[in-house]
Amino acid sequence: MAGVLDGVNRRTQLAGNNRLELLMFRLKRSQRYGINVFKVREVIQCPPLTHVPHSHPAVCGVTNIRGQAISIIDLGMALGMPAITDPKQAFVIVTEYNRTTQGFLVNSIDHIVNLNWEEVLPPPKGAGASYMTAVTHVDKEIVEIIDVEKIMSEVIGGNEIVSEAVIAQSGDSGIPRHILVVDDSSVARNQIKRALEQLGIGSTLANDGAEGLKQLQNWAAESQPITERIAMVISDVEMPRMDGYTMTAAIRQDPNLRDLYIVLHTSLSGLFNNALVDKVGANKFIPKFNPDELATAVLERIRELEAAAA
């Protein structure tokens, strides 16, 4: 238990200071790619795989790792590259995303670097950026950070429909029915937007914490109090320039914004998220992505506002 708590403390210190650790790896090309260490369970030489009939072409098989059956996704193939021809010579990055465990097959593992999120920038606009959420530079070389949520959505799929039972709880009142959604993944932003639309709630979308904070400050500069304009903020944690923890802390330090209700909605799972929610002053943490759970949290907050206004 002491080792687990030490890991939690180290990670909360990193995230609370707008920092991250990035595991770098390579695919068929010489290009370096990166994944947040927070999401990595382990890295192993690829074990024997069992083919799964009728699976997505990028799923090269399943294997048993520590008693758990895990799908192995050829990450290069998911990005449109040729398949790895000899998986036995490749490596598997075992990860936890969106409440699931899966392995990503890669050609080689590089090393881990410690970065500030300010050094991580949004991807360049144009061709080739569709599977990136961010880029950074390490040793004078570009490192691409992949939009894993987009890959997961395309390869594995997922439910984006709010159930009728939850929708039935959505009423109509004078409470602001607008929410700021902050997430660097276009897939995640649109998943949240569609869930909110099913509740009759509008949204403004921001691509990272810095953009989200700026939007809030612009609204607060207008005459209407910010809490009368939006019901809440839903934010991812991992984002270039400014992560969700740092944005939340900045909101709490701003007298014009500090009363906002903030939900951290992230594919990062684990004990350290709850510690960070308390540390930075967020109101709630919800792991991605369950449309009913997200919708229920939103409706609970709106009912709280209705009760307070009554």
C-alpha atoms as a PDB file:
ATOM      1  CA  MET A   1       0.000   0.000   0.000  1.00  0.00           C
ATOM      2  CA  ALA A   2       2.857   2.403   0.780  1.00  0.00           C
ATOM      3  CA  GLY A   3       4.148   2.027  -2.777  1.00  0.00           C
ATOM      4  CA  VAL A   4       0.706   2.791  -4.220  1.00  0.00           C
ATOM      5  CA  LEU A   5       0.342   5.897  -2.066  1.00  0.00           C
ATOM      6  CA  ASP A   6       3.847   7.063  -3.020  1.00  0.00           C
ATOM      7  CA  GLY A   7       2.846   6.787  -6.674  1.00  0.00           C
ATOM      8  CA  VAL A   8      -0.368   8.715  -6.041  1.00  0.00           C
ATOM      9  CA  ASN A   9       1.525  11.480  -4.253  1.00  0.00           C
ATOM     10  CA  ARG A  10       4.101  11.759  -7.039  1.00  0.00           C
ATOM     11  CA  ARG A  11       1.428  11.947  -9.719  1.00  0.00           C
ATOM     12  CA  THR A  12      -0.670  14.493  -7.862  1.00  0.00           C
ATOM     13  CA  GLN A  13       2.389  16.703  -7.521  1.00  0.00           C
ATOM     14  CA  LEU A  14       3.048  16.449 -11.254  1.00  0.00           C
ATOM     15  CA  ALA A  15      -0.527  17.099 -12.364  1.00  0.00           C
ATOM     16  CA  GLY A  16      -1.128  19.799  -9.791  1.00  0.00           C
ATOM     17  CA  ASN A  17       1.789  21.742 -11.233  1.00  0.00           C
ATOM     18  CA  ASN A  18       0.731  21.498 -14.895  1.00  0.00           C
ATOM     19  CA  ARG A  19       3.283  18.756 -15.571  1.00  0.00           C
ATOM     20  CA  LEU A  20       3.167  15.307 -17.128  1.00  0.00           C
ATOM     21  CA  GLU A  21       5.351  12.307 -17.825  1.00  0.00           C
ATOM     22  CA  LEU A  22       5.332  11.114 -21.423  1.00  0.00           C
ATOM     23  CA  LEU A  23       6.270   7.602 -22.561  1.00  0.00           C
ATOM     24  CA  MET A  24       7.758   7.915 -26.047  1.00  0.00           C
ATOM     25  CA  PHE A  25       7.662   5.154 -28.658  1.00  0.00           C
ATOM     26  CA  ARG A  26       8.005   4.625 -32.391  1.00  0.00           C
ATOM     27  CA  LEU A  27       5.883   2.960 -35.035  1.00  0.00           C
ATOM     28  CA  LYS A  28       6.954   1.932 -38.554  1.00  0.00           C
ATOM     29  CA  ARG A  29       8.195   5.419 -39.292  1.00  0.00           C
ATOM     30  CA  SER A  30      11.053   7.145 -37.515  1.00  0.00           C
ATOM     31  CA  GLN A  31       8.521   9.589 -36.051  1.00  0.00           C
ATOM     32  CA  ARG A  32       8.325   9.657 -32.246  1.00  0.00           C
ATOM     33  CA  TYR A  33       4.945   9.389 -30.538  1.00  0.00           C
ATOM     34  CA  GLY A  34       3.959   9.914 -26.915  1.00  0.00           C
ATOM     35  CA  ILE A  35       1.402   8.704 -24.385  1.00  0.00           C
ATOM     36  CA  ASN A  36       0.815   9.979 -20.859  1.00  0.00           C
ATOM     37  CA  VAL A  37       2.447   7.648 -18.348  1.00  0.00           C
ATOM     38  CA  PHE A  38      -0.630   8.061 -16.111  1.00  0.00           C
ATOM     39  CA  LYS A  39      -2.500   5.857 -18.588  1.00  0.00           C
ATOM     40  CA  VAL A  40       0.163   3.168 -18.900  1.00  0.00           C
ATOM     41  CA  ARG A  41      -0.136   0.061 -16.747  1.00  0.00           C
ATOM     42  CA  GLU A  42       2.960  -1.698 -18.105  1.00  0.00           C
ATOM     43  CA  VAL A  43       5.060  -2.289 -21.228  1.00  0.00           C
ATOM     44  CA  ILE A  44       5.821  -5.863 -22.328  1.00  0.00           C
ATOM     45  CA  GLN A  45       7.242  -7.798 -25.252  1.00  0.00           C
ATOM     46  CA  CYS A  46       4.258  -8.865 -27.332  1.00  0.00           C
ATOM     47  CA  PRO A  47       2.966 -12.242 -26.074  1.00  0.00           C
ATOM     48  CA  PRO A  48       1.257 -14.848 -28.299  1.00  0.00           C
ATOM     49  CA  LEU A  49      -2.028 -13.525 -29.682  1.00  0.00           C
ATOM     50  CA  THR A  50      -5.327 -15.239 -30.436  1.00  0.00           C
ATOM     51  CA  HIS A  51      -7.113 -13.960 -33.511  1.00  0.00           C
ATOM     52  CA  VAL A  52     -10.662 -12.651 -32.998  1.00  0.00           C
ATOM     53  CA  PRO A  53     -12.977 -13.301 -35.983  1.00  0.00           C
ATOM     54  CA  HIS A  54     -14.940 -10.326 -37.345  1.00  0.00           C
ATOM     55  CA  SER A  55     -12.955  -7.834 -35.260  1.00  0.00           C
ATOM     56  CA  HIS A  56     -11.719  -4.476 -36.528  1.00  0.00           C
ATOM     57  CA  PRO A  57      -8.695  -4.898 -38.844  1.00  0.00           C
ATOM     58  CA  ALA A  58      -6.480  -2.998 -36.394  1.00  0.00           C
ATOM     59  CA  VAL A  59      -7.249  -5.504 -33.615  1.00  0.00           C
ATOM     60  CA  CYS A  60      -4.474  -8.045 -34.137  1.00  0.00           C
ATOM     61  CA  GLY A  61      -5.720 -10.383 -31.419  1.00  0.00           C
ATOM     62  CA  VAL A  62      -6.327 -10.892 -27.726  1.00  0.00           C
ATOM     63  CA  THR A  63      -4.022 -12.156 -25.022  1.00  0.00           C
ATOM     64  CA  ASN A  64      -4.165 -12.961 -21.336  1.00  0.00           C
ATOM     65  CA  ILE A  65      -2.163 -10.606 -19.169  1.00  0.00           C
ATOM     66  CA  ARG A  66      -2.181 -11.256 -15.431  1.00  0.00           C
ATOM     67  CA  GLY A  67      -5.468 -13.136 -15.647  1.00  0.00           C
ATOM     68  CA  GLN A  68      -7.260 -10.565 -17.822  1.00  0.00           C
ATOM     69  CA  ALA A  69      -8.165 -10.969 -21.495  1.00  0.00           C
ATOM     70  CA  ILE A  70      -6.975  -7.850 -23.305  1.00  0.00           C
ATOM     71  CA  SER A  71      -7.469  -6.758 -26.902  1.00  0.00           C
ATOM     72  CA  ILE A  72      -4.254  -5.772 -28.686  1.00  0.00           C
ATOM     73  CA  ILE A  73      -4.557  -2.947 -31.218  1.00  0.00           C
ATOM     74  CA  ASP A  74      -1.902  -2.396 -33.866  1.00  0.00           C
ATOM     75  CA  LEU A  75      -1.530   1.334 -33.261  1.00  0.00           C
ATOM     76  CA  GLY A  76       0.250   2.032 -36.547  1.00  0.00           C
ATOM     77  CA  MET A  77      -2.491   0.267 -38.489  1.00  0.00           C
ATOM     78  CA  ALA A  78      -5.149   2.268 -36.619  1.00  0.00           C
ATOM     79  CA  LEU A  79      -3.321   5.392 -37.833  1.00  0.00           C
ATOM     80  CA  GLY A  80      -3.373   4.191 -41.448  1.00  0.00           C
ATOM     81  CA  MET A  81       0.111   2.632 -41.599  1.00  0.00           C
ATOM     82  CA  PRO A  82       0.937  -0.947 -42.685  1.00  0.00           C
ATOM     83  CA  ALA A  83       0.418  -3.658 -40.082  1.00  0.00           C
ATOM     84  CA  ILE A  84       3.329  -4.896 -37.990  1.00  0.00           C
ATOM     85  CA  THR A  85       4.359  -8.095 -39.774  1.00  0.00           C
ATOM     86  CA  ASP A  86       6.023  -9.831 -36.818  1.00  0.00           C
ATOM     87  CA  PRO A  87       4.255  -8.954 -33.542  1.00  0.00           C
ATOM     88  CA  LYS A  88       6.678 -11.171 -31.566  1.00  0.00           C
ATOM     89  CA  GLN A  89       9.398  -8.586 -32.240  1.00  0.00           C
ATOM     90  CA  ALA A  90       7.165  -5.680 -31.173  1.00  0.00           C
ATOM     91  CA  PHE A  91       6.044  -4.280 -27.819  1.00  0.00           C
ATOM     92  CA  VAL A  92       2.665  -3.848 -26.165  1.00  0.00           C
ATOM     93  CA  ILE A  93       1.833  -0.743 -24.133  1.00  0.00           C
ATOM     94  CA  VAL A  94      -0.904  -1.884 -21.745  1.00  0.00           C
ATOM     95  CA  THR A  95      -3.153   1.106 -21.016  1.00  0.00           C
ATOM     96  CA  GLU A  96      -6.305   2.104 -19.182  1.00  0.00           C
ATOM     97  CA  TYR A  97      -8.619   4.397 -21.140  1.00  0.00           C
ATOM     98  CA  ASN A  98     -12.270   5.136 -20.612  1.00  0.00           C
ATOM     99  CA  ARG A  99     -12.712   2.386 -18.016  1.00  0.00           C
ATOM    100  CA  THR A 100     -11.233  -0.298 -20.262  1.00  0.00           C
ATOM    101  CA  THR A 101      -7.854  -1.982 -20.473  1.00  0.00           C
ATOM    102  CA  GLN A 102      -6.263  -2.542 -23.867  1.00  0.00           C
ATOM    103  CA  GLY A 103      -2.835  -2.975 -25.380  1.00  0.00           C
ATOM    104  CA  PHE A 104      -1.289  -0.929 -28.172  1.00  0.00           C
ATOM    105  CA  LEU A 105       1.206  -2.761 -30.370  1.00  0.00           C
ATOM    106  CA  VAL A 106       4.191  -0.545 -31.274  1.00  0.00           C
ATOM    107  CA  ASN A 107       7.529  -1.174 -32.963  1.00  0.00           C
ATOM    108  CA  SER A 108       9.846   0.116 -30.255  1.00  0.00           C
ATOM    109  CA  ILE A 109       9.868   1.876 -26.903  1.00  0.00           C
ATOM    110  CA  ASP A 110      11.926   5.030 -26.409  1.00  0.00           C
ATOM    111  CA  HIS A 111      12.098   6.567 -22.936  1.00  0.00           C
ATOM    112  CA  ILE A 112      10.060   8.628 -20.457  1.00  0.00           C
ATOM    113  CA  VAL A 113      10.359  12.413 -20.272  1.00  0.00           C
ATOM    114  CA  ASN A 114       9.007  14.886 -17.726  1.00  0.00           C
ATOM    115  CA  LEU A 115       7.414  17.940 -19.333  1.00  0.00           C
ATOM    116  CA  ASN A 116       5.403  21.031 -18.526  1.00  0.00           C
ATOM    117  CA  TRP A 117       2.044  21.165 -20.304  1.00  0.00           C
ATOM    118  CA  GLU A 118       3.057  24.636 -21.523  1.00  0.00           C
ATOM    119  CA  GLU A 119       5.650  22.870 -23.689  1.00  0.00           C
ATOM    120  CA  VAL A 120       2.891  20.759 -25.258  1.00  0.00           C
ATOM    121  CA  LEU A 121       1.097  22.578 -28.064  1.00  0.00           C
ATOM    122  CA  PRO A 122      -2.083  21.980 -30.070  1.00  0.00           C
ATOM    123  CA  PRO A 123      -1.443  20.118 -33.343  1.00  0.00           C
ATOM    124  CA  PRO A 124      -0.825  22.094 -36.511  1.00  0.00           C
ATOM    125  CA  LYS A 125      -3.884  22.629 -38.653  1.00  0.00           C
ATOM    126  CA  GLY A 126      -4.092  20.724 -41.900  1.00  0.00           C
ATOM    127  CA  ALA A 127      -3.419  17.277 -43.272  1.00  0.00           C
ATOM    128  CA  GLY A 128      -1.981  14.660 -40.966  1.00  0.00           C
ATOM    129  CA  ALA A 129      -3.190  16.220 -37.732  1.00  0.00           C
ATOM    130  CA  SER A 130      -6.474  14.320 -37.455  1.00  0.00           C
ATOM    131  CA  TYR A 131      -5.115  11.696 -35.035  1.00  0.00           C
ATOM    132  CA  MET A 132      -3.102  14.126 -32.919  1.00  0.00           C
ATOM    133  CA  THR A 133      -4.236  16.030 -29.860  1.00  0.00           C
ATOM    134  CA  ALA A 134      -0.890  17.750 -29.314  1.00  0.00           C
ATOM    135  CA  VAL A 135       2.773  17.977 -30.264  1.00  0.00           C
ATOM    136  CA  THR A 136       5.925  18.750 -28.333  1.00  0.00           C
ATOM    137  CA  HIS A 137       9.685  18.782 -28.880  1.00  0.00           C
ATOM    138  CA  VAL A 138      12.143  16.463 -27.158  1.00  0.00           C
ATOM    139  CA  ASP A 139      15.852  16.472 -28.056  1.00  0.00           C
ATOM    140  CA  LYS A 140      15.058  18.806 -30.985  1.00  0.00           C
ATOM    141  CA  GLU A 141      12.681  16.207 -32.398  1.00  0.00           C
ATOM    142  CA  ILE A 142       8.909  16.484 -32.800  1.00  0.00           C
ATOM    143  CA  VAL A 143       6.834  14.133 -30.658  1.00  0.00           C
ATOM    144  CA  GLU A 144       3.198  13.571 -31.648  1.00  0.00           C
ATOM    145  CA  ILE A 145       0.662  12.889 -28.900  1.00  0.00           C
ATOM    146  CA  ILE A 146      -2.070  10.696 -30.320  1.00  0.00           C
ATOM    147  CA  ASP A 147      -5.811  11.199 -29.876  1.00  0.00           C
ATOM    148  CA  VAL A 148      -6.347   7.759 -28.355  1.00  0.00           C
ATOM    149  CA  GLU A 149     -10.028   8.506 -27.730  1.00  0.00           C
ATOM    150  CA  LYS A 150     -10.553   8.921 -31.465  1.00  0.00           C
ATOM    151  CA  ILE A 151      -8.790   5.622 -32.145  1.00  0.00           C
ATOM    152  CA  MET A 152     -10.815   3.864 -29.452  1.00  0.00           C
ATOM    153  CA  SER A 153     -14.035   5.274 -30.892  1.00  0.00           C
ATOM    154  CA  GLU A 154     -13.181   4.056 -34.396  1.00  0.00           C
ATOM    155  CA  VAL A 155     -11.767   0.651 -33.442  1.00  0.00           C
ATOM    156  CA  ILE A 156     -13.905  -0.348 -30.466  1.00  0.00           C
ATOM    157  CA  GLY A 157     -16.884   2.011 -30.708  1.00  0.00           C
ATOM    158  CA  GLY A 158     -19.084   3.026 -27.814  1.00  0.00           C
ATOM    159  CA  ASN A 159     -22.518   4.184 -26.739  1.00  0.00           C
ATOM    160  CA  GLU A 160     -23.276   7.902 -27.064  1.00  0.00           C
ATOM    161  CA  ILE A 161     -27.029   7.739 -26.433  1.00  0.00           C
ATOM    162  CA  VAL A 162     -28.533   9.019 -23.196  1.00  0.00           C
ATOM    163  CA  SER A 163     -31.270   6.656 -22.040  1.00  0.00           C
ATOM    164  CA  GLU A 164     -34.916   7.714 -22.164  1.00  0.00           C
ATOM    165  CA  ALA A 165     -35.164   7.296 -18.388  1.00  0.00           C
ATOM    166  CA  VAL A 166     -32.462   9.908 -17.821  1.00  0.00           C
ATOM    167  CA  ILE A 167     -33.801  12.264 -20.492  1.00  0.00           C
ATOM    168  CA  ALA A 168     -37.205  12.121 -18.796  1.00  0.00           C
ATOM    169  CA  GLN A 169     -35.630  13.767 -15.737  1.00  0.00           C
ATOM    170  CA  SER A 170     -34.674  16.848 -17.756  1.00  0.00           C
ATOM    171  CA  GLY A 171     -37.154  19.638 -17.179  1.00  0.00           C
ATOM    172  CA  ASP A 172     -37.176  23.257 -18.260  1.00  0.00           C
ATOM    173  CA  SER A 173     -36.630  26.203 -15.963  1.00  0.00           C
ATOM    174  CA  GLY A 174     -34.967  29.594 -15.770  1.00  0.00           C
ATOM    175  CA  ILE A 175     -31.690  27.972 -14.703  1.00  0.00           C
ATOM    176  CA  PRO A 176     -28.906  28.511 -17.289  1.00  0.00           C
ATOM    177  CA  ARG A 177     -28.969  25.566 -19.669  1.00  0.00           C
ATOM    178  CA  HIS A 178     -25.546  26.165 -21.156  1.00  0.00           C
ATOM    179  CA  ILE A 179     -22.234  24.498 -20.297  1.00  0.00           C
ATOM    180  CA  LEU A 180     -18.600  25.144 -21.152  1.00  0.00           C
ATOM    181  CA  VAL A 181     -16.947  21.932 -22.382  1.00  0.00           C
ATOM    182  CA  VAL A 182     -13.133  21.851 -22.364  1.00  0.00           C
ATOM    183  CA  ASP A 183     -11.328  18.941 -24.030  1.00  0.00           C
ATOM    184  CA  ASP A 184      -8.457  18.615 -26.491  1.00  0.00           C
ATOM    185  CA  SER A 185      -9.988  15.566 -28.211  1.00  0.00           C
ATOM    186  CA  SER A 186     -12.487  16.455 -30.921  1.00  0.00           C
ATOM    187  CA  VAL A 187     -14.156  13.077 -30.397  1.00  0.00           C
ATOM    188  CA  ALA A 188     -14.583  13.681 -26.658  1.00  0.00           C
ATOM    189  CA  ARG A 189     -15.876  17.245 -27.169  1.00  0.00           C
ATOM    190  CA  ASN A 190     -18.505  16.061 -29.612  1.00  0.00           C
ATOM    191  CA  GLN A 191     -19.513  13.102 -27.430  1.00  0.00           C
ATOM    192  CA  ILE A 192     -20.252  15.502 -24.574  1.00  0.00           C
ATOM    193  CA  LYS A 193     -21.959  18.000 -26.879  1.00  0.00           C
ATOM    194  CA  ARG A 194     -24.293  15.308 -28.253  1.00  0.00           C
ATOM    195  CA  ALA A 195     -25.131  14.039 -24.772  1.00  0.00           C
ATOM    196  CA  LEU A 196     -26.009  17.562 -23.647  1.00  0.00           C
ATOM    197  CA  GLU A 197     -28.114  18.191 -26.754  1.00  0.00           C
ATOM    198  CA  GLN A 198     -30.233  15.165 -25.858  1.00  0.00           C
ATOM    199  CA  LEU A 199     -31.018  16.963 -22.570  1.00  0.00           C
ATOM    200  CA  GLY A 200     -31.845  20.228 -24.344  1.00  0.00           C
ATOM    201  CA  ILE A 201     -28.662  21.856 -23.035  1.00  0.00           C
ATOM    202  CA  GLY A 202     -26.386  23.992 -25.180  1.00  0.00           C
ATOM    203  CA  SER A 203     -22.619  24.107 -24.994  1.00  0.00           C
ATOM    204  CA  THR A 204     -19.586  26.162 -25.893  1.00  0.00           C
ATOM    205  CA  LEU A 205     -16.502  24.095 -26.764  1.00  0.00           C
ATOM    206  CA  ALA A 206     -12.882  24.898 -25.924  1.00  0.00           C
ATOM    207  CA  ASN A 207      -9.823  22.936 -27.033  1.00  0.00           C
ATOM    208  CA  ASP A 208      -7.657  23.214 -23.897  1.00  0.00           C
ATOM    209  CA  GLY A 209      -7.484  24.725 -20.430  1.00  0.00           C
ATOM    210  CA  ALA A 210      -5.948  27.991 -21.580  1.00  0.00           C
ATOM    211  CA  GLU A 211      -8.705  28.527 -24.158  1.00  0.00           C
ATOM    212  CA  GLY A 212     -11.384  27.525 -21.650  1.00  0.00           C
ATOM    213  CA  LEU A 213     -10.082  29.918 -18.997  1.00  0.00           C
ATOM    214  CA  LYS A 214      -9.905  32.756 -21.533  1.00  0.00           C
ATOM    215  CA  GLN A 215     -13.507  32.114 -22.589  1.00  0.00           C
ATOM    216  CA  LEU A 216     -14.667  32.269 -18.972  1.00  0.00           C
ATOM    217  CA  GLN A 217     -12.732  35.481 -18.361  1.00  0.00           C
ATOM    218  CA  ASN A 218     -14.294  37.047 -21.461  1.00  0.00           C
ATOM    219  CA  TRP A 219     -17.774  36.131 -20.269  1.00  0.00           C
ATOM    220  CA  ALA A 220     -17.027  37.402 -16.764  1.00  0.00           C
ATOM    221  CA  ALA A 221     -15.944  40.752 -18.213  1.00  0.00           C
ATOM    222  CA  GLU A 222     -19.492  41.270 -19.470  1.00  0.00           C
ATOM    223  CA  SER A 223     -22.211  42.607 -17.180  1.00  0.00           C
ATOM    224  CA  GLN A 224     -23.972  39.291 -16.466  1.00  0.00           C
ATOM    225  CA  PRO A 225     -22.535  37.201 -13.585  1.00  0.00           C
ATOM    226  CA  ILE A 226     -20.862  34.074 -14.938  1.00  0.00           C
ATOM    227  CA  THR A 227     -23.051  31.742 -12.842  1.00  0.00           C
ATOM    228  CA  GLU A 228     -26.134  33.221 -14.523  1.00  0.00           C
ATOM    229  CA  ARG A 229     -24.668  32.523 -17.936  1.00  0.00           C
ATOM    230  CA  ILE A 230     -23.559  28.920 -17.601  1.00  0.00           C
ATOM    231  CA  ALA A 231     -24.600  26.126 -15.279  1.00  0.00           C
ATOM    232  CA  MET A 232     -21.184  24.492 -15.011  1.00  0.00           C
ATOM    233  CA  VAL A 233     -17.847  23.617 -16.608  1.00  0.00           C
ATOM    234  CA  ILE A 234     -17.011  20.094 -17.814  1.00  0.00           C
ATOM    235  CA  SER A 235     -13.291  19.681 -18.395  1.00  0.00           C
ATOM    236  CA  ASP A 236     -10.826  17.032 -19.420  1.00  0.00           C
ATOM    237  CA  VAL A 237      -7.590  16.760 -17.428  1.00  0.00           C
ATOM    238  CA  GLU A 238      -4.904  16.056 -20.055  1.00  0.00           C
ATOM    239  CA  MET A 239      -4.652  19.030 -22.398  1.00  0.00           C
ATOM    240  CA  PRO A 240      -1.864  20.992 -24.097  1.00  0.00           C
ATOM    241  CA  ARG A 241      -0.801  24.396 -22.744  1.00  0.00           C
ATOM    242  CA  MET A 242      -2.885  24.106 -19.551  1.00  0.00           C
ATOM    243  CA  ASP A 243      -4.292  20.933 -18.005  1.00  0.00           C
ATOM    244  CA  GLY A 244      -7.680  20.659 -16.340  1.00  0.00           C
ATOM    245  CA  TYR A 245      -6.278  20.704 -12.816  1.00  0.00           C
ATOM    246  CA  THR A 246      -4.388  23.950 -13.442  1.00  0.00           C
ATOM    247  CA  MET A 247      -7.417  25.546 -15.119  1.00  0.00           C
ATOM    248  CA  THR A 248      -9.588  24.577 -12.127  1.00  0.00           C
ATOM    249  CA  ALA A 249      -7.099  26.072  -9.678  1.00  0.00           C
ATOM    250  CA  ALA A 250      -7.008  29.303 -11.740  1.00  0.00           C
ATOM    251  CA  ILE A 251     -10.811  29.490 -11.721  1.00  0.00           C
ATOM    252  CA  ARG A 252     -10.877  29.123  -7.937  1.00  0.00           C
ATOM    253  CA  GLN A 253      -8.346  31.953  -7.582  1.00  0.00           C
ATOM    254  CA  ASP A 254     -10.383  34.364  -9.744  1.00  0.00           C
ATOM    255  CA  PRO A 255     -13.061  36.208  -7.720  1.00  0.00           C
ATOM    256  CA  ASN A 256     -15.249  36.511 -10.830  1.00  0.00           C
ATOM    257  CA  LEU A 257     -15.116  32.775 -11.574  1.00  0.00           C
ATOM    258  CA  ARG A 258     -14.555  30.979  -8.286  1.00  0.00           C
ATOM    259  CA  ASP A 259     -18.214  30.063  -7.688  1.00  0.00           C
ATOM    260  CA  LEU A 260     -18.444  27.997 -10.885  1.00  0.00           C
ATOM    261  CA  TYR A 261     -19.310  24.325 -10.564  1.00  0.00           C
ATOM    262  CA  ILE A 262     -16.564  22.219 -12.173  1.00  0.00           C
ATOM    263  CA  VAL A 263     -16.680  18.581 -13.225  1.00  0.00           C
ATOM    264  CA  LEU A 264     -13.417  16.913 -14.261  1.00  0.00           C
ATOM    265  CA  HIS A 265     -14.293  14.350 -16.919  1.00  0.00           C
ATOM    266  CA  THR A 266     -11.310  12.271 -17.919  1.00  0.00           C
ATOM    267  CA  SER A 267     -10.153   8.963 -19.337  1.00  0.00           C
ATOM    268  CA  LEU A 268      -7.508   8.952 -16.616  1.00  0.00           C
ATOM    269  CA  SER A 269      -8.609   6.476 -13.993  1.00  0.00           C
ATOM    270  CA  GLY A 270      -7.329   5.709 -10.551  1.00  0.00           C
ATOM    271  CA  LEU A 271      -6.931   6.893  -7.011  1.00  0.00           C
ATOM    272  CA  PHE A 272      -4.928  10.023  -7.718  1.00  0.00           C
ATOM    273  CA  ASN A 273      -7.840  11.745  -9.516  1.00  0.00           C
ATOM    274  CA  ASN A 274      -9.850  11.940  -6.305  1.00  0.00           C
ATOM    275  CA  ALA A 275      -6.852  13.433  -4.520  1.00  0.00           C
ATOM    276  CA  LEU A 276      -6.472  16.091  -7.226  1.00  0.00           C
ATOM    277  CA  VAL A 277     -10.182  16.966  -7.203  1.00  0.00           C
ATOM    278  CA  ASP A 278      -9.815  17.939  -3.550  1.00  0.00           C
ATOM    279  CA  LYS A 279      -6.473  19.656  -4.074  1.00  0.00           C
ATOM    280  CA  VAL A 280      -7.508  21.987  -6.915  1.00  0.00           C
ATOM    281  CA  GLY A 281     -11.104  22.535  -5.779  1.00  0.00           C
ATOM    282  CA  ALA A 282     -13.155  20.765  -8.438  1.00  0.00           C
ATOM    283  CA  ASN A 283     -16.661  19.694  -7.430  1.00  0.00           C
ATOM    284  CA  LYS A 284     -16.807  16.262  -9.028  1.00  0.00           C
ATOM    285  CA  PHE A 285     -14.771  13.706 -10.966  1.00  0.00           C
ATOM    286  CA  ILE A 286     -16.388  11.455 -13.600  1.00  0.00           C
ATOM    287  CA  PRO A 287     -14.404   8.894 -15.607  1.00  0.00           C
ATOM    288  CA  LYS A 288     -15.073   8.896 -19.370  1.00  0.00           C
ATOM    289  CA  PHE A 289     -17.352   8.076 -21.128  1.00  0.00           C
ATOM    290  CA  ASN A 290     -20.763   6.954 -19.988  1.00  0.00           C
ATOM    291  CA  PRO A 291     -23.523   9.181 -21.431  1.00  0.00           C
ATOM    292  CA  ASP A 292     -26.042   8.338 -18.692  1.00  0.00           C
ATOM    293  CA  GLU A 293     -23.548   9.007 -15.907  1.00  0.00           C
ATOM    294  CA  LEU A 294     -22.505  12.322 -17.411  1.00  0.00           C
ATOM    295  CA  ALA A 295     -26.109  13.349 -18.072  1.00  0.00           C
ATOM    296  CA  THR A 296     -27.150  12.392 -14.538  1.00  0.00           C
ATOM    297  CA  ALA A 297     -24.369  14.525 -13.034  1.00  0.00           C
ATOM    298  CA  VAL A 298     -25.443  17.494 -15.167  1.00  0.00           C
ATOM    299  CA  LEU A 299     -29.105  17.129 -14.220  1.00  0.00           C
ATOM    300  CA  GLU A 300     -28.230  16.794 -10.532  1.00  0.00           C
ATOM    301  CA  ARG A 301     -26.383  20.094 -10.693  1.00  0.00           C
ATOM    302  CA  ILE A 302     -29.271  21.814 -12.491  1.00  0.00           C
ATOM    303  CA  ARG A 303     -31.695  20.545  -9.847  1.00  0.00           C
ATOM    304  CA  GLU A 304     -29.404  21.951  -7.141  1.00  0.00           C
ATOM    305  CA  LEU A 305     -29.508  25.344  -8.876  1.00  0.00           C
ATOM    306  CA  GLU A 306     -33.297  25.141  -9.199  1.00  0.00           C
ATOM    307  CA  ALA A 307     -33.661  24.358  -5.498  1.00  0.00           C
ATOM    308  CA  ALA A 308     -31.373  27.253  -4.562  1.00  0.00           C
ATOM    309  CA  ALA A 309     -33.361  29.658  -6.756  1.00  0.00           C
ATOM    310  CA  ALA A 310     -36.747  28.563  -5.394  1.00  0.00           C
END
